[in-house]
Amino acid sequence: MNLRQLTAAVCSMVFFVVAHSQTSDGFPPLKPVPRTGHLTDNPQQTEFTFIAAGDNRPNGGKVTQPPIFAQILNDAKQFNPVFMLWAGDTIGGFRIVGKKMDRTHLMNQYKEFFRIASTAGVPIFNSPGNHEMDRVDKNGKETIETPDSEMQQLYLEMMEYPKDAPPYGAFDYGNSRFIAVDTEEVPTQLVVRSPGKVVGKNLKLDPGFVSSKQIELLKADLEANKHKAHIFVFMHHPIKSAKAGSRLNKENADELEKLFAKYHNVSYVIAAHEHIYFNASGHTRNPPKRKDPSKDGPGYLVTGGAGAPLDKCPSKSSKNCLAANHYIVFTVKGDDVEVKVVTVK
């Protein structure tokens, strides 16, 4: 074993120990996407900028990423962000009906994503989506997307997570806490599921699922960090969506919405899945400046315009919805948070 391999092994062991030592107080540490660098916390920092986006995945199971993905990463550099939050669907995934999972093809999809993500110049933290975690199968006459344990294991492997670590986690930066919720867990047969939405050629998408174990850890994390000026939560399936069929499994969404409302320092809940921008908590595209703590509950934003085929905004949401490629700029200034939506063509 050479020095580089030894160093990597030691770092992995340290991360594993830290991750498991923190589960009693909440989520384990969240690893950044490979090849995007590492983030060093500065607890005294009260003014900084970060970027949020999601759904850059190519159409179908292609390896090649949409050009807009690289454009967004390059364009965002003008704001000098410290890091980026990504709300999932980073690859096309396993979308071939009736065939076995092709690991080599999926690994190539991840490698291409990592190659482009490395050009961001800052660490990127991802919360996985249905395209990373699900497979598509024929079930009788239906074509159904199903959460798959093999896909989840490959995600953890490619993202270089330690053994037995979950795909959810959290990290601190400055006066704030950042929590990635995994909305793509494999449910038990006893769980009541929402219908989900149907897209394309009668493909029934999974509505997402968050286990009781993860929710209990989330509760502990929120309680342990209620002293933070801000908490930002990011996930793939939205709790509040532009279209009803895109919403996270109802039982989970209702429980999480009530939970976040209890903590007045939860600033924003960021999701994707819908290939649009949507301000679910307001009537304008750019939310007004926010000051925490706030009894009004968090702002709910959908940002799914990083390269996947765009959706259409519902006609009733024309003022707070945008069907365009984009990313969101968050600027923290002490107790205040400013939000700006930036379109990219």
Foldseek 3Di string as FASTA:
>chain_A
DDPVVVVVVVVQVVLVVQQVVCLQQFGRAFDFFPLQDDADADQADQWFKEWEFEAQEEAAQDQDTFPLLLVFLVVVVVRVHQEYEYAAPLYQAAEDEPDDDDLVSVLSSSVSSSVSSNVSNHTYTYAYDLRQFWHWYDDDPAIEIAGDPVSLVSVCVNSVHHPPHHNWGWDDHHLEIETEAHQRDHDDPPDDFDQADADDPRYGYGQGHHDPSNVVSNLSNCVSNLRRLAYEYEYAQFLADQDPRSHHTPVVSVVVQVSQLVRQRHAEYEYESAQKKFFRPDLAQWDDKDFPSDNPGYTYIYHNNSHYQWDDGDPVNVHHMGGARWMKMWIGRRRIIGIDIGGDD
